Amino acid sequence: MTNLSGRSAIITGGFSGMGFAIATALAESGANVAVGSYIAPAGADKSDAAYYPSAGEIERVRAAFAAHGTRVHAAHLDVRDSDVTNRFVAEAEAAIGPADILVNAAGTTAEQPVCGHSDALWDKIVDTNLTGAFRVTRAVLPGMIERGWGRIVNIGSTAASVGWKDNPAYCASKAGLLGLTRCVALEGAAHGVTCVMISPTWVETELMRRNVAQVVEREGKGRTAEQAMAEIANGNPQQRLLQPQEIAALAVFLCSDLAKGITMENIQITGGALW
């Protein structure tokens, strides 16, 4: 029912976490996949909570997806740079075919209060989470509209609607991503293109681990990151952390023909939690 054979998908932030899980699930469903993540140069600022893969991981990721028998492209992608983004999309489409599916999963955050955000830190988070999604969408949307079929899935967060102390840039970027989602959905609706945002609570990824480590460091209460993650899990009504595969399963459904009437929505996966 969710056979995506013949479809081609671009996934940003696809080397790890939810992006990797979604790309894997799409490949398992028959889609060709192009994944990009930011390969930081020597000396780059890594003070945020993002996971930074090395250049050596490109082959590992490519091999993991190629095992599913579909066409694959994996490369460096900096969604904060329009030229790099446009070049990645062009190379991806040359390798796997015109993009039918886009999953904007690239994201970052940093544990800082409002006054702890420098201009550079604020810009990095918003540019990655919000403007980056805009850049990639802008690159693929015209082709989707021309061909009369497209699926765009933005990975949001409960932060889009619930504030979180010491994460103002992250919350603002996800709220903005919801606004972008709705505008893209309306623009594509008459042309067979849908756009939906998936907004999970805490998902057990490397980004979460690094973010929780920053929380623990700022609080200075003697807790370990593992203890803090356990407390977060116990605070969820289901008393657990969401897994990336759960987000991936929904994303695959939203990319199928069965979901053509689902657009402009913010679908939350929370285990019953408000955050």
Protein backbone atom coordinates (compact mmCIF):
# COMPACT_ATOMS: atom_id res chain seq x y z
CA MET A 1 0.00 0.00 0.00
CA THR A 2 3.00 2.31 0.44
CA ASN A 3 5.07 1.01 -2.47
CA LEU A 4 7.23 3.91 -3.63
CA SER A 5 9.03 2.09 -6.44
CA GLY A 6 10.04 4.53 -9.15
CA ARG A 7 9.84 7.55 -6.87
CA SER A 8 12.93 9.59 -6.00
CA ALA A 9 13.45 11.23 -2.62
CA ILE A 10 15.84 13.86 -1.27
CA ILE A 11 16.44 13.78 2.48
CA THR A 12 18.40 16.52 4.23
CA GLY A 13 20.17 15.65 7.46
CA GLY A 14 20.11 12.10 6.15
CA PHE A 15 23.31 10.74 7.65
CA SER A 16 21.93 10.24 11.16
CA GLY A 17 18.90 10.34 13.43
CA MET A 18 15.43 10.81 11.99
CA GLY A 19 16.78 11.71 8.56
CA PHE A 20 18.69 8.43 8.30
CA ALA A 21 15.70 6.43 9.58
CA ILE A 22 13.36 8.09 7.08
CA ALA A 23 15.76 7.59 4.18
CA THR A 24 16.12 3.93 5.16
CA ALA A 25 12.36 3.43 5.29
CA LEU A 26 11.91 5.17 1.92
CA ALA A 27 14.57 2.95 0.35
CA GLU A 28 12.91 -0.13 1.86
CA SER A 29 9.68 1.03 0.22
CA GLY A 30 11.39 1.12 -3.16
CA ALA A 31 12.29 4.79 -3.50
CA ASN A 32 15.58 6.05 -4.88
CA VAL A 33 17.20 8.18 -2.18
CA ALA A 34 19.60 11.12 -2.12
CA VAL A 35 20.85 12.05 1.32
CA GLY A 36 22.90 15.05 2.36
CA SER A 37 24.43 16.18 5.63
CA TYR A 38 26.82 18.92 6.61
CA ILE A 39 30.46 17.78 6.55
CA ALA A 40 32.16 20.41 8.68
CA PRO A 41 35.58 21.67 7.55
CA ALA A 42 38.48 21.78 9.96
CA GLY A 43 38.06 24.52 12.53
CA ALA A 44 34.31 24.89 12.02
CA ASP A 45 32.18 25.99 14.98
CA LYS A 46 30.60 22.92 16.57
CA SER A 47 29.25 24.54 19.73
CA ASP A 48 25.64 23.70 18.89
CA ALA A 49 24.08 20.29 19.51
CA ALA A 50 24.17 19.07 15.90
CA TYR A 51 25.76 15.78 14.94
CA TYR A 52 28.68 16.41 12.59
CA PRO A 53 29.49 13.42 10.35
CA SER A 54 32.92 13.06 8.84
CA ALA A 55 33.63 12.83 5.12
CA GLY A 56 34.42 9.15 5.64
CA GLU A 57 30.79 8.49 6.47
CA ILE A 58 29.63 9.28 2.94
CA GLU A 59 30.60 5.82 1.71
CA ARG A 60 29.09 4.12 4.77
CA VAL A 61 25.78 5.88 4.20
CA ARG A 62 25.82 5.24 0.45
CA ALA A 63 26.46 1.53 1.01
CA ALA A 64 23.71 1.27 3.63
CA PHE A 65 21.08 2.57 1.21
CA ALA A 66 22.46 0.80 -1.86
CA ALA A 67 21.83 -2.49 -0.06
CA HIS A 68 18.13 -1.98 -0.71
CA GLY A 69 18.68 -2.14 -4.46
CA THR A 70 17.58 1.37 -5.38
CA ARG A 71 19.59 4.26 -6.80
CA VAL A 72 21.51 6.25 -4.19
CA HIS A 73 23.31 9.57 -3.89
CA ALA A 74 25.09 10.73 -0.72
CA ALA A 75 27.11 13.90 -0.36
CA HIS A 76 27.94 16.98 1.66
CA LEU A 77 25.04 19.43 1.95
CA ASP A 78 25.02 22.80 3.68
CA VAL A 79 21.41 24.00 3.56
CA ARG A 80 22.59 27.43 4.77
CA ASP A 81 24.25 28.03 1.40
CA SER A 82 22.01 28.49 -1.65
CA ASP A 83 24.75 27.62 -4.15
CA VAL A 84 25.69 24.42 -2.33
CA THR A 85 22.02 23.51 -1.95
CA ASN A 86 21.20 24.03 -5.62
CA ARG A 87 24.28 22.07 -6.68
CA PHE A 88 23.37 19.19 -4.35
CA VAL A 89 19.82 19.04 -5.75
CA ALA A 90 21.10 19.10 -9.34
CA GLU A 91 23.60 16.30 -8.65
CA ALA A 92 21.00 14.30 -6.72
CA GLU A 93 18.46 14.50 -9.53
CA ALA A 94 21.11 13.52 -12.07
CA ALA A 95 21.88 10.44 -9.97
CA ILE A 96 18.42 9.26 -8.88
CA GLY A 97 15.94 11.12 -11.08
CA PRO A 98 13.73 14.18 -10.58
CA ALA A 99 12.72 14.66 -6.96
CA ASP A 100 9.21 13.41 -6.21
CA ILE A 101 9.76 13.53 -2.45
CA LEU A 102 11.57 15.97 -0.18
CA VAL A 103 12.14 15.40 3.52
CA ASN A 104 13.61 18.39 5.35
CA ALA A 105 15.22 16.76 8.38
CA ALA A 106 18.38 18.85 8.77
CA GLY A 107 18.29 20.59 12.13
CA THR A 108 20.20 21.84 15.14
CA THR A 109 19.75 23.62 18.45
CA ALA A 110 21.81 24.92 21.35
CA GLU A 111 21.05 25.16 25.05
CA GLN A 112 21.24 28.91 25.64
CA PRO A 113 18.85 31.55 27.03
CA VAL A 114 17.73 34.47 24.88
CA CYS A 115 20.64 36.63 26.02
CA GLY A 116 23.05 33.74 25.51
CA HIS A 117 22.37 33.65 21.78
CA SER A 118 24.93 35.58 19.80
CA ASP A 119 23.84 36.77 16.36
CA ALA A 120 25.95 33.97 14.88
CA LEU A 121 24.32 31.24 16.99
CA TRP A 122 20.81 32.54 16.35
CA ASP A 123 21.48 32.76 12.63
CA LYS A 124 22.97 29.27 12.50
CA ILE A 125 19.94 27.62 14.11
CA VAL A 126 17.29 29.56 12.20
CA ASP A 127 19.20 29.31 8.92
CA THR A 128 19.53 25.53 9.28
CA ASN A 129 16.07 24.67 10.60
CA LEU A 130 13.92 27.16 8.72
CA THR A 131 15.67 28.95 5.88
CA GLY A 132 17.47 25.77 4.90
CA ALA A 133 14.15 23.98 4.45
CA PHE A 134 12.99 26.92 2.34
CA ARG A 135 16.07 26.73 0.12
CA VAL A 136 15.70 23.03 -0.66
CA THR A 137 11.94 23.36 -1.15
CA ARG A 138 12.50 26.25 -3.54
CA ALA A 139 14.86 24.08 -5.55
CA VAL A 140 12.49 21.12 -6.01
CA LEU A 141 8.98 22.60 -5.89
CA PRO A 142 8.83 23.87 -9.50
CA GLY A 143 9.61 20.41 -10.85
CA MET A 144 7.02 18.77 -8.62
CA ILE A 145 4.38 21.25 -9.76
CA GLU A 146 5.31 20.76 -13.41
CA ARG A 147 5.04 16.96 -13.12
CA GLY A 148 1.82 17.13 -11.09
CA TRP A 149 3.02 15.05 -8.13
CA GLY A 150 5.08 15.78 -5.05
CA ARG A 151 5.42 15.08 -1.34
CA ILE A 152 7.23 17.42 1.04
CA VAL A 153 7.63 16.39 4.67
CA ASN A 154 9.15 18.86 7.13
CA ILE A 155 10.49 17.55 10.43
CA GLY A 156 9.24 19.98 13.04
CA SER A 157 8.85 19.60 16.77
CA THR A 158 6.43 20.21 19.59
CA ALA A 159 8.61 23.32 19.91
CA ALA A 160 6.54 24.77 17.06
CA SER A 161 3.67 25.32 19.48
CA VAL A 162 5.15 24.97 22.99
CA GLY A 163 7.94 27.19 24.26
CA TRP A 164 11.03 25.70 25.84
CA LYS A 165 13.27 27.68 28.16
CA ASP A 166 16.82 28.19 26.86
CA ASN A 167 15.94 27.21 23.27
CA PRO A 168 14.46 30.39 21.74
CA ALA A 169 16.06 30.06 18.30
CA TYR A 170 14.98 26.44 18.01
CA CYS A 171 11.39 27.19 19.03
CA ALA A 172 11.21 30.19 16.72
CA SER A 173 12.61 28.20 13.80
CA LYS A 174 10.14 25.35 14.22
CA ALA A 175 7.20 27.75 14.55
CA GLY A 176 8.39 29.41 11.36
CA LEU A 177 8.72 26.02 9.66
CA LEU A 178 5.06 25.37 10.36
CA GLY A 179 4.15 28.64 8.65
CA LEU A 180 6.31 27.69 5.67
CA THR A 181 4.68 24.25 5.57
CA ARG A 182 1.22 25.75 5.30
CA CYS A 183 2.22 28.19 2.55
CA VAL A 184 3.92 25.48 0.47
CA ALA A 185 0.88 23.22 0.93
CA LEU A 186 -1.44 25.88 -0.43
CA GLU A 187 0.88 26.64 -3.34
CA GLY A 188 1.11 22.99 -4.32
CA ALA A 189 -2.45 21.87 -3.59
CA ALA A 190 -3.83 22.41 -7.09
CA HIS A 191 -0.84 20.61 -8.63
CA GLY A 192 -0.78 17.30 -6.77
CA VAL A 193 1.88 18.46 -4.29
CA THR A 194 1.35 18.04 -0.55
CA CYS A 195 3.35 19.51 2.32
CA VAL A 196 3.03 18.28 5.90
CA MET A 197 5.02 18.81 9.10
CA ILE A 198 5.71 15.99 11.55
CA SER A 199 6.25 17.34 15.06
CA PRO A 200 7.61 14.80 17.53
CA THR A 201 8.47 15.17 21.18
CA TRP A 202 11.89 13.93 22.31
CA VAL A 203 13.27 11.35 19.86
CA GLU A 204 16.27 9.25 20.82
CA THR A 205 18.89 10.55 18.40
CA GLU A 206 22.44 11.84 18.57
CA LEU A 207 21.06 15.39 18.44
CA MET A 208 18.99 14.67 21.56
CA ARG A 209 21.97 13.16 23.37
CA ARG A 210 24.14 16.16 22.60
CA ASN A 211 21.36 18.59 23.52
CA VAL A 212 20.68 16.86 26.83
CA ALA A 213 24.42 16.92 27.56
CA GLN A 214 24.30 20.70 27.11
CA VAL A 215 21.32 20.91 29.48
CA VAL A 216 23.16 18.90 32.12
CA GLU A 217 26.27 21.03 31.75
CA ARG A 218 24.32 24.27 32.12
CA GLU A 219 22.36 23.07 35.15
CA GLY A 220 25.44 21.79 36.97
CA LYS A 221 23.41 19.52 39.26
CA GLY A 222 25.74 16.53 39.10
CA ARG A 223 23.44 14.49 36.87
CA THR A 224 24.80 12.53 33.95
CA ALA A 225 23.31 12.90 30.48
CA GLU A 226 22.08 9.31 30.74
CA GLN A 227 20.24 10.10 33.97
CA ALA A 228 18.69 13.18 32.40
CA MET A 229 17.50 11.19 29.39
CA ALA A 230 15.98 8.59 31.71
CA GLU A 231 14.12 11.35 33.54
CA ILE A 232 12.77 12.66 30.24
CA ALA A 233 11.59 9.17 29.31
CA ASN A 234 9.92 8.66 32.70
CA GLY A 235 8.19 12.02 32.34
CA ASN A 236 6.45 10.93 29.16
CA PRO A 237 2.99 9.40 29.68
CA GLN A 238 4.23 6.29 27.84
CA GLN A 239 7.40 6.41 29.95
CA ARG A 240 9.72 6.09 26.99
CA LEU A 241 11.56 8.04 24.30
CA LEU A 242 10.25 7.98 20.76
CA GLN A 243 12.39 6.09 18.26
CA PRO A 244 13.41 7.42 14.83
CA GLN A 245 11.71 4.48 13.11
CA GLU A 246 8.33 5.67 14.41
CA ILE A 247 8.78 9.01 12.67
CA ALA A 248 9.99 7.21 9.55
CA ALA A 249 6.88 5.02 9.35
CA LEU A 250 4.61 8.05 9.31
CA ALA A 251 6.81 9.85 6.80
CA VAL A 252 6.61 6.93 4.36
CA PHE A 253 2.82 6.88 4.61
CA LEU A 254 2.64 10.63 4.01
CA CYS A 255 4.77 10.15 0.88
CA SER A 256 2.39 7.56 -0.57
CA ASP A 257 -0.66 7.97 -2.80
CA LEU A 258 -2.82 7.02 0.18
CA ALA A 259 -1.99 10.35 1.82
CA LYS A 260 -2.77 12.67 -1.08
CA GLY A 261 -5.53 14.38 0.93
CA ILE A 262 -3.27 15.08 3.91
CA THR A 263 -1.64 18.45 3.45
CA MET A 264 -1.02 21.67 5.44
CA GLU A 265 -1.17 19.62 8.65
CA ASN A 266 1.06 19.60 11.72
CA ILE A 267 1.00 15.98 12.89
CA GLN A 268 2.33 15.58 16.40
CA ILE A 269 3.85 12.33 17.71
CA THR A 270 4.20 12.73 21.45
CA GLY A 271 3.23 9.61 23.38
CA GLY A 272 0.68 11.84 25.09
CA ALA A 273 3.13 14.55 26.16
CA LEU A 274 2.51 18.27 25.70
CA TRP A 275 6.18 18.88 24.91
